[in-house]
C-alpha atoms as a PDB file:
ATOM      1  CA  MET A   1      57.705 -18.570  56.370  1.00  0.00           C
ATOM      2  CA  LYS A   2      59.283 -21.273  54.267  1.00  0.00           C
ATOM      3  CA  GLU A   3      56.467 -23.610  55.201  1.00  0.00           C
ATOM      4  CA  ALA A   4      53.900 -20.965  54.247  1.00  0.00           C
ATOM      5  CA  LEU A   5      55.529 -20.495  50.846  1.00  0.00           C
ATOM      6  CA  LYS A   6      55.511 -24.231  50.188  1.00  0.00           C
ATOM      7  CA  ARG A   7      51.869 -24.457  51.249  1.00  0.00           C
ATOM      8  CA  ILE A   8      50.954 -21.620  48.884  1.00  0.00           C
ATOM      9  CA  GLU A   9      52.857 -23.309  46.059  1.00  0.00           C
ATOM     10  CA  GLU A  10      51.128 -26.650  46.571  1.00  0.00           C
ATOM     11  CA  GLU A  11      47.654 -25.156  46.850  1.00  0.00           C
ATOM     12  CA  ALA A  12      48.124 -22.900  43.850  1.00  0.00           C
ATOM     13  CA  LEU A  13      49.490 -25.632  41.598  1.00  0.00           C
ATOM     14  CA  ALA A  14      46.713 -28.021  42.640  1.00  0.00           C
ATOM     15  CA  GLN A  15      43.959 -25.468  41.947  1.00  0.00           C
ATOM     16  CA  ILE A  16      45.513 -24.457  38.618  1.00  0.00           C
ATOM     17  CA  ALA A  17      45.760 -28.074  37.504  1.00  0.00           C
ATOM     18  CA  ALA A  18      42.105 -28.718  38.374  1.00  0.00           C
ATOM     19  CA  ALA A  19      40.774 -25.444  36.903  1.00  0.00           C
ATOM     20  CA  GLU A  20      38.572 -25.436  33.779  1.00  0.00           C
ATOM     21  CA  GLU A  21      38.169 -21.672  33.922  1.00  0.00           C
ATOM     22  CA  GLY A  22      38.877 -18.753  36.258  1.00  0.00           C
ATOM     23  CA  LEU A  23      42.655 -18.712  35.795  1.00  0.00           C
ATOM     24  CA  ASP A  24      42.714 -14.932  36.043  1.00  0.00           C
ATOM     25  CA  GLU A  25      41.055 -15.121  39.459  1.00  0.00           C
ATOM     26  CA  LEU A  26      43.696 -17.615  40.621  1.00  0.00           C
ATOM     27  CA  ARG A  27      46.449 -15.312  39.327  1.00  0.00           C
ATOM     28  CA  VAL A  28      45.013 -12.440  41.359  1.00  0.00           C
ATOM     29  CA  LYS A  29      44.472 -14.661  44.404  1.00  0.00           C
ATOM     30  CA  TYR A  30      48.104 -15.764  44.616  1.00  0.00           C
ATOM     31  CA  LEU A  31      50.164 -13.189  42.686  1.00  0.00           C
ATOM     32  CA  GLY A  32      48.103  -9.990  42.878  1.00  0.00           C
ATOM     33  CA  LYS A  33      48.953  -6.948  44.998  1.00  0.00           C
ATOM     34  CA  LYS A  34      46.753  -8.307  47.740  1.00  0.00           C
ATOM     35  CA  GLY A  35      47.511 -11.934  46.948  1.00  0.00           C
ATOM     36  CA  GLU A  36      48.721 -14.584  49.375  1.00  0.00           C
ATOM     37  CA  LEU A  37      52.283 -14.652  48.023  1.00  0.00           C
ATOM     38  CA  THR A  38      52.547 -10.867  48.235  1.00  0.00           C
ATOM     39  CA  ALA A  39      51.295 -10.939  51.804  1.00  0.00           C
ATOM     40  CA  ILE A  40      54.072 -13.404  52.735  1.00  0.00           C
ATOM     41  CA  LEU A  41      56.737 -11.294  51.039  1.00  0.00           C
ATOM     42  CA  LYS A  42      55.666  -8.245  53.008  1.00  0.00           C
ATOM     43  CA  GLN A  43      56.800 -10.073  56.159  1.00  0.00           C
ATOM     44  CA  MET A  44      60.388 -10.487  54.950  1.00  0.00           C
ATOM     45  CA  GLY A  45      61.408  -7.299  56.754  1.00  0.00           C
ATOM     46  CA  GLY A  46      61.337  -9.237  60.056  1.00  0.00           C
ATOM     47  CA  LEU A  47      63.812 -11.879  58.864  1.00  0.00           C
ATOM     48  CA  SER A  48      67.478 -11.947  59.710  1.00  0.00           C
ATOM     49  CA  ALA A  49      70.080 -11.055  57.123  1.00  0.00           C
ATOM     50  CA  GLU A  50      70.955 -14.737  56.665  1.00  0.00           C
ATOM     51  CA  GLU A  51      67.342 -15.901  56.160  1.00  0.00           C
ATOM     52  CA  ARG A  52      66.259 -13.085  53.870  1.00  0.00           C
ATOM     53  CA  PRO A  53      68.086 -14.220  50.641  1.00  0.00           C
ATOM     54  CA  VAL A  54      67.061 -17.845  51.172  1.00  0.00           C
ATOM     55  CA  VAL A  55      63.389 -16.956  51.593  1.00  0.00           C
ATOM     56  CA  GLY A  56      63.567 -14.480  48.713  1.00  0.00           C
ATOM     57  CA  GLN A  57      64.984 -17.137  46.390  1.00  0.00           C
ATOM     58  CA  LEU A  58      62.257 -19.569  47.446  1.00  0.00           C
ATOM     59  CA  ALA A  59      59.553 -16.901  46.916  1.00  0.00           C
ATOM     60  CA  ASN A  60      60.831 -16.174  43.392  1.00  0.00           C
ATOM     61  CA  ARG A  61      60.768 -19.878  42.587  1.00  0.00           C
ATOM     62  CA  VAL A  62      57.203 -20.183  43.851  1.00  0.00           C
ATOM     63  CA  ARG A  63      56.092 -17.116  41.804  1.00  0.00           C
ATOM     64  CA  SER A  64      57.758 -18.449  38.656  1.00  0.00           C
ATOM     65  CA  GLY A  65      56.218 -21.876  39.184  1.00  0.00           C
ATOM     66  CA  ILE A  66      52.719 -20.440  39.582  1.00  0.00           C
ATOM     67  CA  GLU A  67      53.104 -18.175  36.529  1.00  0.00           C
ATOM     68  CA  GLU A  68      54.361 -21.042  34.396  1.00  0.00           C
ATOM     69  CA  ALA A  69      51.565 -23.328  35.581  1.00  0.00           C
ATOM     70  CA  ILE A  70      48.948 -20.667  34.685  1.00  0.00           C
ATOM     71  CA  ALA A  71      50.512 -20.151  31.240  1.00  0.00           C
ATOM     72  CA  GLN A  72      50.564 -23.890  30.513  1.00  0.00           C
ATOM     73  CA  LYS A  73      47.008 -24.361  31.747  1.00  0.00           C
ATOM     74  CA  THR A  74      45.824 -21.418  29.625  1.00  0.00           C
ATOM     75  CA  ALA A  75      47.393 -22.917  26.512  1.00  0.00           C
ATOM     76  CA  GLN A  76      45.902 -26.326  27.333  1.00  0.00           C
ATOM     77  CA  LEU A  77      42.383 -24.917  27.760  1.00  0.00           C
ATOM     78  CA  LYS A  78      42.647 -22.985  24.478  1.00  0.00           C
ATOM     79  CA  ALA A  79      43.777 -26.096  22.638  1.00  0.00           C
ATOM     80  CA  GLU A  80      40.948 -28.158  24.115  1.00  0.00           C
ATOM     81  CA  LYS A  81      38.392 -25.475  23.185  1.00  0.00           C
ATOM     82  CA  LEU A  82      39.681 -25.347  19.618  1.00  0.00           C
ATOM     83  CA  ALA A  83      39.551 -29.151  19.355  1.00  0.00           C
ATOM     84  CA  ARG A  84      35.934 -29.186  20.551  1.00  0.00           C
ATOM     85  CA  GLN A  85      35.023 -26.399  18.119  1.00  0.00           C
ATOM     86  CA  LEU A  86      36.649 -28.170  15.181  1.00  0.00           C
ATOM     87  CA  GLU A  87      34.818 -31.367  16.068  1.00  0.00           C
ATOM     88  CA  SER A  88      31.433 -29.679  16.453  1.00  0.00           C
ATOM     89  CA  GLU A  89      31.833 -27.622  13.277  1.00  0.00           C
ATOM     90  CA  ALA A  90      33.230 -30.378  11.126  1.00  0.00           C
ATOM     91  CA  LEU A  91      32.100 -30.174   7.509  1.00  0.00           C
ATOM     92  CA  ASP A  92      31.701 -33.221   5.352  1.00  0.00           C
ATOM     93  CA  VAL A  93      32.630 -31.916   1.919  1.00  0.00           C
ATOM     94  CA  THR A  94      31.293 -35.086   0.308  1.00  0.00           C
ATOM     95  CA  ILE A  95      27.693 -34.264   1.297  1.00  0.00           C
ATOM     96  CA  PRO A  96      25.765 -32.690  -1.623  1.00  0.00           C
ATOM     97  CA  GLY A  97      25.090 -28.995  -1.067  1.00  0.00           C
ATOM     98  CA  GLN A  98      21.711 -27.291  -1.087  1.00  0.00           C
ATOM     99  CA  ALA A  99      21.069 -25.445  -4.307  1.00  0.00           C
ATOM    100  CA  PRO A 100      20.059 -21.806  -3.732  1.00  0.00           C
ATOM    101  CA  LYS A 101      16.481 -20.972  -4.588  1.00  0.00           C
ATOM    102  CA  LEU A 102      16.277 -18.824  -7.682  1.00  0.00           C
ATOM    103  CA  GLY A 103      13.556 -16.296  -8.251  1.00  0.00           C
ATOM    104  CA  LYS A 104      11.592 -15.778 -11.445  1.00  0.00           C
ATOM    105  CA  LYS A 105      10.979 -12.837 -13.676  1.00  0.00           C
ATOM    106  CA  HIS A 106       7.653 -11.134 -13.145  1.00  0.00           C
ATOM    107  CA  PRO A 107       5.190 -11.939 -15.969  1.00  0.00           C
ATOM    108  CA  LEU A 108       5.281  -8.280 -17.022  1.00  0.00           C
ATOM    109  CA  THR A 109       9.062  -8.454 -17.327  1.00  0.00           C
ATOM    110  CA  GLN A 110       8.908 -11.744 -19.216  1.00  0.00           C
ATOM    111  CA  VAL A 111       6.538 -10.365 -21.838  1.00  0.00           C
ATOM    112  CA  LEU A 112       8.392  -7.032 -22.014  1.00  0.00           C
ATOM    113  CA  ASP A 113      11.577  -8.941 -22.808  1.00  0.00           C
ATOM    114  CA  ASP A 114       9.741 -10.871 -25.525  1.00  0.00           C
ATOM    115  CA  LEU A 115       8.364  -7.695 -27.099  1.00  0.00           C
ATOM    116  CA  THR A 116      11.734  -5.984 -26.913  1.00  0.00           C
ATOM    117  CA  GLU A 117      13.381  -8.910 -28.674  1.00  0.00           C
ATOM    118  CA  ILE A 118      10.823  -8.705 -31.487  1.00  0.00           C
ATOM    119  CA  PHE A 119      11.514  -5.018 -32.075  1.00  0.00           C
ATOM    120  CA  LEU A 120      15.277  -5.408 -31.748  1.00  0.00           C
ATOM    121  CA  GLY A 121      15.033  -8.058 -34.442  1.00  0.00           C
ATOM    122  CA  MET A 122      13.275  -5.474 -36.641  1.00  0.00           C
ATOM    123  CA  GLY A 123      16.123  -2.975 -36.249  1.00  0.00           C
ATOM    124  CA  PHE A 124      14.766  -0.858 -33.390  1.00  0.00           C
ATOM    125  CA  SER A 125      16.870   0.323 -30.464  1.00  0.00           C
ATOM    126  CA  VAL A 126      15.685   0.926 -26.876  1.00  0.00           C
ATOM    127  CA  ALA A 127      15.460   4.483 -25.524  1.00  0.00           C
ATOM    128  CA  THR A 128      14.642   5.566 -21.977  1.00  0.00           C
ATOM    129  CA  GLY A 129      13.765   8.820 -20.257  1.00  0.00           C
ATOM    130  CA  PRO A 130      12.773  10.269 -16.859  1.00  0.00           C
ATOM    131  CA  GLU A 131       9.544   9.255 -15.187  1.00  0.00           C
ATOM    132  CA  VAL A 132       9.336  12.673 -13.498  1.00  0.00           C
ATOM    133  CA  GLU A 133       8.857  14.848 -16.550  1.00  0.00           C
ATOM    134  CA  TYR A 134       8.320  18.442 -17.612  1.00  0.00           C
ATOM    135  CA  ASP A 135       4.872  19.481 -18.791  1.00  0.00           C
ATOM    136  CA  TYR A 136       6.451  20.624 -22.052  1.00  0.00           C
ATOM    137  CA  TYR A 137       7.735  17.172 -22.997  1.00  0.00           C
ATOM    138  CA  ASN A 138       4.644  15.330 -21.781  1.00  0.00           C
ATOM    139  CA  PHE A 139       2.093  17.613 -23.453  1.00  0.00           C
ATOM    140  CA  GLU A 140       3.136  20.779 -25.298  1.00  0.00           C
ATOM    141  CA  ALA A 141       5.807  19.281 -27.547  1.00  0.00           C
ATOM    142  CA  LEU A 142       3.289  16.550 -28.446  1.00  0.00           C
ATOM    143  CA  ASN A 143       0.757  19.087 -29.769  1.00  0.00           C
ATOM    144  CA  LEU A 144      -1.254  19.322 -26.542  1.00  0.00           C
ATOM    145  CA  PRO A 145      -1.152  23.009 -25.518  1.00  0.00           C
ATOM    146  CA  PRO A 146      -2.343  24.065 -22.024  1.00  0.00           C
ATOM    147  CA  ASP A 147      -5.992  24.467 -23.103  1.00  0.00           C
ATOM    148  CA  HIS A 148      -6.202  21.200 -25.044  1.00  0.00           C
ATOM    149  CA  PRO A 149      -9.197  19.070 -23.887  1.00  0.00           C
ATOM    150  CA  ALA A 150      -7.160  15.860 -24.096  1.00  0.00           C
ATOM    151  CA  ARG A 151      -5.307  16.970 -20.988  1.00  0.00           C
ATOM    152  CA  ASP A 152      -8.490  16.580 -18.960  1.00  0.00           C
ATOM    153  CA  THR A 153      -8.675  12.886 -19.812  1.00  0.00           C
ATOM    154  CA  GLN A 154      -5.100  12.164 -18.719  1.00  0.00           C
ATOM    155  CA  ASP A 155      -5.761  12.500 -14.935  1.00  0.00           C
ATOM    156  CA  THR A 156      -2.211  13.656 -14.393  1.00  0.00           C
ATOM    157  CA  PHE A 157      -0.190  13.577 -11.173  1.00  0.00           C
ATOM    158  CA  TYR A 158       1.262  17.102 -11.022  1.00  0.00           C
ATOM    159  CA  ILE A 159       4.211  17.839  -8.736  1.00  0.00           C
ATOM    160  CA  THR A 160       4.328  21.548  -9.666  1.00  0.00           C
ATOM    161  CA  ASP A 161       2.630  23.518 -12.452  1.00  0.00           C
ATOM    162  CA  LYS A 162       5.411  22.472 -14.825  1.00  0.00           C
ATOM    163  CA  VAL A 163       6.573  19.129 -13.408  1.00  0.00           C
ATOM    164  CA  LEU A 164       4.563  15.901 -13.371  1.00  0.00           C
ATOM    165  CA  LEU A 165       4.697  12.125 -13.420  1.00  0.00           C
ATOM    166  CA  ARG A 166       4.655  11.202 -17.096  1.00  0.00           C
ATOM    167  CA  THR A 167       1.315   9.914 -18.378  1.00  0.00           C
ATOM    168  CA  GLN A 168       2.916   8.156 -21.362  1.00  0.00           C
ATOM    169  CA  THR A 169       6.373   7.313 -22.653  1.00  0.00           C
ATOM    170  CA  SER A 170       5.915   9.700 -25.601  1.00  0.00           C
ATOM    171  CA  PRO A 171       8.206  12.296 -23.935  1.00  0.00           C
ATOM    172  CA  VAL A 172      11.063   9.885 -24.624  1.00  0.00           C
ATOM    173  CA  GLN A 173      10.284  10.207 -28.337  1.00  0.00           C
ATOM    174  CA  VAL A 174      10.485  13.989 -28.111  1.00  0.00           C
ATOM    175  CA  ARG A 175      13.798  13.893 -26.266  1.00  0.00           C
ATOM    176  CA  VAL A 176      15.256  11.503 -28.853  1.00  0.00           C
ATOM    177  CA  MET A 177      14.102  13.672 -31.758  1.00  0.00           C
ATOM    178  CA  GLU A 178      15.607  16.769 -30.110  1.00  0.00           C
ATOM    179  CA  ARG A 179      19.082  15.285 -29.789  1.00  0.00           C
ATOM    180  CA  GLN A 180      19.238  12.868 -32.739  1.00  0.00           C
ATOM    181  CA  LYS A 181      18.866  13.569 -36.422  1.00  0.00           C
ATOM    182  CA  PRO A 182      16.840  11.126 -38.560  1.00  0.00           C
ATOM    183  CA  PRO A 183      16.851   8.285 -39.306  1.00  0.00           C
ATOM    184  CA  ILE A 184      15.321   7.385 -35.935  1.00  0.00           C
ATOM    185  CA  LYS A 185      13.978   3.948 -35.039  1.00  0.00           C
ATOM    186  CA  ILE A 186      13.364   3.423 -31.337  1.00  0.00           C
ATOM    187  CA  ILE A 187      11.031   1.872 -28.797  1.00  0.00           C
ATOM    188  CA  ALA A 188      10.490   3.493 -25.400  1.00  0.00           C
ATOM    189  CA  PRO A 189       9.311   1.066 -22.701  1.00  0.00           C
ATOM    190  CA  GLY A 190       8.656   2.168 -19.137  1.00  0.00           C
ATOM    191  CA  ARG A 191       6.318   2.999 -16.270  1.00  0.00           C
ATOM    192  CA  VAL A 192       3.665   5.689 -16.622  1.00  0.00           C
ATOM    193  CA  TYR A 193       1.282   7.246 -14.112  1.00  0.00           C
ATOM    194  CA  ARG A 194      -2.333   8.391 -14.180  1.00  0.00           C
ATOM    195  CA  SER A 195      -4.726   9.232 -11.380  1.00  0.00           C
ATOM    196  CA  ASP A 196      -7.042   6.277 -11.880  1.00  0.00           C
ATOM    197  CA  ALA A 197      -8.939   4.421  -9.176  1.00  0.00           C
ATOM    198  CA  VAL A 198      -7.687   0.877  -8.698  1.00  0.00           C
ATOM    199  CA  ASP A 199      -9.975  -1.817 -10.066  1.00  0.00           C
ATOM    200  CA  ALA A 200      -9.783  -4.907 -12.264  1.00  0.00           C
ATOM    201  CA  THR A 201      -8.892  -2.883 -15.382  1.00  0.00           C
ATOM    202  CA  HIS A 202      -7.321   0.342 -14.039  1.00  0.00           C
ATOM    203  CA  ALA A 203      -4.283   1.255 -11.946  1.00  0.00           C
ATOM    204  CA  PRO A 204      -2.411   4.490 -11.197  1.00  0.00           C
ATOM    205  CA  VAL A 205       0.848   2.861 -12.331  1.00  0.00           C
ATOM    206  CA  PHE A 206       1.150   0.803 -15.500  1.00  0.00           C
ATOM    207  CA  HIS A 207       3.558   0.196 -18.386  1.00  0.00           C
ATOM    208  CA  GLN A 208       3.744   1.290 -21.995  1.00  0.00           C
ATOM    209  CA  ILE A 209       5.939   0.466 -24.953  1.00  0.00           C
ATOM    210  CA  GLU A 210       5.941   3.243 -27.501  1.00  0.00           C
ATOM    211  CA  GLY A 211       7.665   3.148 -30.856  1.00  0.00           C
ATOM    212  CA  LEU A 212       8.908   5.851 -33.198  1.00  0.00           C
ATOM    213  CA  VAL A 213      10.309   5.781 -36.733  1.00  0.00           C
ATOM    214  CA  VAL A 214      11.357   9.002 -38.524  1.00  0.00           C
ATOM    215  CA  ASP A 215      13.079   9.144 -41.910  1.00  0.00           C
ATOM    216  CA  ARG A 216      12.584  10.343 -45.424  1.00  0.00           C
ATOM    217  CA  GLY A 217       9.648   8.791 -47.233  1.00  0.00           C
ATOM    218  CA  ILE A 218       7.987   7.047 -44.268  1.00  0.00           C
ATOM    219  CA  THR A 219       4.331   6.284 -45.036  1.00  0.00           C
ATOM    220  CA  MET A 220       1.270   4.665 -43.477  1.00  0.00           C
ATOM    221  CA  ALA A 221       2.208   1.495 -45.360  1.00  0.00           C
ATOM    222  CA  ASP A 222       5.446   1.302 -43.341  1.00  0.00           C
ATOM    223  CA  LEU A 223       3.438   1.641 -40.144  1.00  0.00           C
ATOM    224  CA  LYS A 224       0.999  -1.116 -41.111  1.00  0.00           C
ATOM    225  CA  GLY A 225       3.765  -3.417 -42.271  1.00  0.00           C
ATOM    226  CA  THR A 226       5.746  -2.923 -39.060  1.00  0.00           C
ATOM    227  CA  LEU A 227       2.786  -3.513 -36.749  1.00  0.00           C
ATOM    228  CA  ASN A 228       1.492  -6.489 -38.725  1.00  0.00           C
ATOM    229  CA  THR A 229       4.933  -8.082 -38.542  1.00  0.00           C
ATOM    230  CA  PHE A 230       5.100  -7.405 -34.804  1.00  0.00           C
ATOM    231  CA  ILE A 231       1.624  -8.808 -34.098  1.00  0.00           C
ATOM    232  CA  LYS A 232       2.209 -11.949 -36.165  1.00  0.00           C
ATOM    233  CA  LYS A 233       5.483 -12.586 -34.347  1.00  0.00           C
ATOM    234  CA  LEU A 234       3.692 -12.074 -31.047  1.00  0.00           C
ATOM    235  CA  TYR A 235       0.522 -14.122 -31.667  1.00  0.00           C
ATOM    236  CA  GLY A 236       1.375 -16.312 -34.649  1.00  0.00           C
ATOM    237  CA  PRO A 237       1.430 -16.017 -38.448  1.00  0.00           C
ATOM    238  CA  ASP A 238      -2.326 -16.609 -38.811  1.00  0.00           C
ATOM    239  CA  THR A 239      -3.266 -13.548 -36.723  1.00  0.00           C
ATOM    240  CA  VAL A 240      -5.694 -11.200 -38.457  1.00  0.00           C
ATOM    241  CA  THR A 241      -5.545  -7.445 -37.789  1.00  0.00           C
ATOM    242  CA  ARG A 242      -7.585  -4.407 -38.687  1.00  0.00           C
ATOM    243  CA  PHE A 243      -6.869  -0.675 -38.509  1.00  0.00           C
ATOM    244  CA  ARG A 244      -9.697   1.641 -37.426  1.00  0.00           C
ATOM    245  CA  PRO A 245      -9.610   5.446 -37.828  1.00  0.00           C
ATOM    246  CA  HIS A 246      -9.082   7.234 -34.538  1.00  0.00           C
ATOM    247  CA  HIS A 247      -7.771  10.532 -33.184  1.00  0.00           C
ATOM    248  CA  PHE A 248      -4.620  11.271 -31.208  1.00  0.00           C
ATOM    249  CA  PRO A 249      -3.321  14.860 -30.909  1.00  0.00           C
ATOM    250  CA  PHE A 250       0.237  13.832 -31.715  1.00  0.00           C
ATOM    251  CA  THR A 251      -0.459  11.762 -34.855  1.00  0.00           C
ATOM    252  CA  GLU A 252      -2.327  12.485 -38.094  1.00  0.00           C
ATOM    253  CA  PRO A 253      -3.822  10.311 -39.434  1.00  0.00           C
ATOM    254  CA  SER A 254      -4.340   8.104 -36.380  1.00  0.00           C
ATOM    255  CA  ALA A 255      -5.623   4.560 -35.961  1.00  0.00           C
ATOM    256  CA  GLU A 256      -6.507   1.891 -33.443  1.00  0.00           C
ATOM    257  CA  VAL A 257      -5.255  -1.610 -34.190  1.00  0.00           C
ATOM    258  CA  ASP A 258      -7.411  -4.636 -33.345  1.00  0.00           C
ATOM    259  CA  THR A 259      -6.693  -8.341 -33.598  1.00  0.00           C
ATOM    260  CA  GLN A 260      -9.314 -10.873 -34.496  1.00  0.00           C
ATOM    261  CA  CYS A 261     -10.485 -12.753 -31.404  1.00  0.00           C
ATOM    262  CA  PHE A 262      -8.394 -15.872 -30.863  1.00  0.00           C
ATOM    263  CA  ALA A 263     -11.315 -17.754 -29.325  1.00  0.00           C
ATOM    264  CA  CYS A 264     -14.120 -17.167 -31.843  1.00  0.00           C
ATOM    265  CA  HIS A 265     -12.173 -15.991 -34.916  1.00  0.00           C
ATOM    266  CA  GLY A 266     -14.435 -13.003 -35.436  1.00  0.00           C
ATOM    267  CA  GLU A 267     -17.783 -14.657 -34.673  1.00  0.00           C
ATOM    268  CA  GLY A 268     -18.232 -12.955 -31.308  1.00  0.00           C
ATOM    269  CA  CYS A 269     -17.840 -14.483 -27.854  1.00  0.00           C
ATOM    270  CA  ARG A 270     -17.438 -13.687 -24.173  1.00  0.00           C
ATOM    271  CA  LEU A 271     -13.710 -12.978 -24.528  1.00  0.00           C
ATOM    272  CA  CYS A 272     -14.191 -10.277 -27.156  1.00  0.00           C
ATOM    273  CA  LYS A 273     -17.537  -9.161 -25.684  1.00  0.00           C
ATOM    274  CA  GLY A 274     -19.374 -10.247 -28.815  1.00  0.00           C
ATOM    275  CA  GLU A 275     -17.424  -7.964 -31.134  1.00  0.00           C
ATOM    276  CA  GLY A 276     -15.143 -10.547 -32.740  1.00  0.00           C
ATOM    277  CA  TRP A 277     -12.172  -8.180 -32.360  1.00  0.00           C
ATOM    278  CA  ILE A 278      -9.872  -7.220 -29.483  1.00  0.00           C
ATOM    279  CA  GLU A 279      -8.371  -3.726 -29.254  1.00  0.00           C
ATOM    280  CA  LEU A 280      -4.593  -3.943 -29.038  1.00  0.00           C
ATOM    281  CA  LEU A 281      -2.822  -0.594 -29.544  1.00  0.00           C
ATOM    282  CA  GLY A 282      -2.945   2.917 -30.943  1.00  0.00           C
ATOM    283  CA  CYS A 283      -0.788   4.353 -33.713  1.00  0.00           C
ATOM    284  CA  GLY A 284      -0.506   6.955 -36.454  1.00  0.00           C
ATOM    285  CA  MET A 285       1.738   9.143 -38.548  1.00  0.00           C
ATOM    286  CA  VAL A 286       3.703  11.645 -36.468  1.00  0.00           C
ATOM    287  CA  HIS A 287       1.951  15.028 -36.585  1.00  0.00           C
ATOM    288  CA  PRO A 288       3.945  17.646 -38.532  1.00  0.00           C
ATOM    289  CA  LYS A 289       3.702  20.023 -35.545  1.00  0.00           C
ATOM    290  CA  VAL A 290       5.426  17.445 -33.342  1.00  0.00           C
ATOM    291  CA  LEU A 291       8.258  17.095 -35.837  1.00  0.00           C
ATOM    292  CA  LYS A 292       8.577  20.879 -36.060  1.00  0.00           C
ATOM    293  CA  ASN A 293       8.592  21.233 -32.243  1.00  0.00           C
ATOM    294  CA  CYS A 294      11.549  18.839 -32.141  1.00  0.00           C
ATOM    295  CA  GLY A 295      13.536  20.679 -34.801  1.00  0.00           C
ATOM    296  CA  ILE A 296      12.793  18.252 -37.663  1.00  0.00           C
ATOM    297  CA  ASP A 297      11.570  19.614 -40.985  1.00  0.00           C
ATOM    298  CA  PRO A 298       8.190  17.955 -41.753  1.00  0.00           C
ATOM    299  CA  GLU A 299       8.641  18.837 -45.426  1.00  0.00           C
ATOM    300  CA  GLU A 300      11.729  16.645 -45.583  1.00  0.00           C
ATOM    301  CA  TYR A 301      10.952  13.926 -43.029  1.00  0.00           C
ATOM    302  CA  SER A 302       7.934  11.936 -41.943  1.00  0.00           C
ATOM    303  CA  GLY A 303       7.418   9.239 -39.360  1.00  0.00           C
ATOM    304  CA  PHE A 304       5.053   6.964 -37.513  1.00  0.00           C
ATOM    305  CA  ALA A 305       4.510   6.202 -33.834  1.00  0.00           C
ATOM    306  CA  PHE A 306       2.603   3.607 -31.855  1.00  0.00           C
ATOM    307  CA  GLY A 307       1.834   2.880 -28.221  1.00  0.00           C
ATOM    308  CA  ILE A 308       1.244  -0.511 -26.617  1.00  0.00           C
ATOM    309  CA  GLY A 309      -0.121  -1.145 -23.131  1.00  0.00           C
ATOM    310  CA  LEU A 310       2.075  -3.878 -21.690  1.00  0.00           C
ATOM    311  CA  GLU A 311      -0.487  -5.035 -19.124  1.00  0.00           C
ATOM    312  CA  ARG A 312      -3.073  -5.457 -21.874  1.00  0.00           C
ATOM    313  CA  ILE A 313      -0.722  -7.699 -23.860  1.00  0.00           C
ATOM    314  CA  VAL A 314       0.121  -9.816 -20.809  1.00  0.00           C
ATOM    315  CA  MET A 315      -3.522 -10.167 -19.760  1.00  0.00           C
ATOM    316  CA  ARG A 316      -4.452 -11.334 -23.250  1.00  0.00           C
ATOM    317  CA  ARG A 317      -1.539 -13.754 -23.449  1.00  0.00           C
ATOM    318  CA  TYR A 318      -2.259 -15.470 -20.122  1.00  0.00           C
ATOM    319  CA  ASN A 319      -6.044 -14.917 -19.875  1.00  0.00           C
ATOM    320  CA  ILE A 320      -5.690 -12.768 -16.753  1.00  0.00           C
ATOM    321  CA  ASP A 321      -8.867 -10.903 -15.869  1.00  0.00           C
ATOM    322  CA  ASP A 322      -7.711  -8.647 -13.003  1.00  0.00           C
ATOM    323  CA  LEU A 323      -4.975  -6.037 -13.347  1.00  0.00           C
ATOM    324  CA  ARG A 324      -4.417  -5.964  -9.579  1.00  0.00           C
ATOM    325  CA  LEU A 325      -2.840  -9.414  -9.649  1.00  0.00           C
ATOM    326  CA  PHE A 326       0.314  -7.915 -11.174  1.00  0.00           C
ATOM    327  CA  SER A 327       1.024  -5.832  -8.065  1.00  0.00           C
ATOM    328  CA  ASP A 328      -0.419  -7.987  -5.250  1.00  0.00           C
ATOM    329  CA  ASN A 329       2.865  -9.942  -4.887  1.00  0.00           C
ATOM    330  CA  ASP A 330       0.911 -13.160  -4.326  1.00  0.00           C
ATOM    331  CA  LEU A 331       3.298 -16.071  -4.912  1.00  0.00           C
ATOM    332  CA  ARG A 332       0.391 -18.339  -5.805  1.00  0.00           C
ATOM    333  CA  PHE A 333      -0.152 -16.123  -8.834  1.00  0.00           C
ATOM    334  CA  LEU A 334       3.470 -15.334  -9.684  1.00  0.00           C
ATOM    335  CA  ASN A 335       4.685 -18.938  -9.501  1.00  0.00           C
ATOM    336  CA  GLN A 336       2.451 -19.857 -12.439  1.00  0.00           C
ATOM    337  CA  PHE A 337       4.742 -18.018 -14.857  1.00  0.00           C
END
């Protein structure tokens, strides 16, 4: 039995020393319940009283030796694995890093920021409102009752009879006038929605920037001065504008604002379709009914409003001829800006 224990010890230590993995299997093989050392110990019942303590002491020494050898080998293998990992994952901190790629602002956002800065410089503040709007704010409060023919031209996305996707950012003006006493001087940029078929000049989703000024003594001259200042800051001090009479239900009087064609200077060309002028925006004096609907006395206060199509401004600035390019997400187009 002593010889068997020594043989087990030698074999176990030799296999542990040579092992690169599988130490748990060797532990089970020699020290498990069905292991070789356990099988030897089960035979100790047949030994004499004199031999039993000697063999037991030898068996304990063999078990301790195997356990210690496994522990040392385990620590050695872990250290070697860590050393290999540190070597393979070594980082040279002196090597220049790779700069992260930065995105760009969309051309619509770039121009919107420019327009916003112009109006902020003129004393306006920015107001926002919900894109899912009540019919009252989108139409009725703006002097468009349920039977008004202008509603037919809006091609509105209705969610319910009283809830819709806003067709303009004018509801923001109404909400501001309801909660804020004059003087009021705000712009309202944002997305608007109309049920238009997608083509080079139409889209169901586009952007507007509307402006509103309400105070005592506001006149058409204030409107013209504000818009002329804005347009000259946008296109240059030599820009020529004209105001044409128009009709909007929520302003009276109303006007369309044109700029003289940048290419032909009024002579007529392909860009302006031979007219010499390019339509830019709509505007007018706030209708007294709109002021009254918002709790503002039209006998004491007056105001003006205007609405700018952001896509139209961007297309004119960059000579873009297809509205769909803004939403195609084509990097060949977007990387030009």
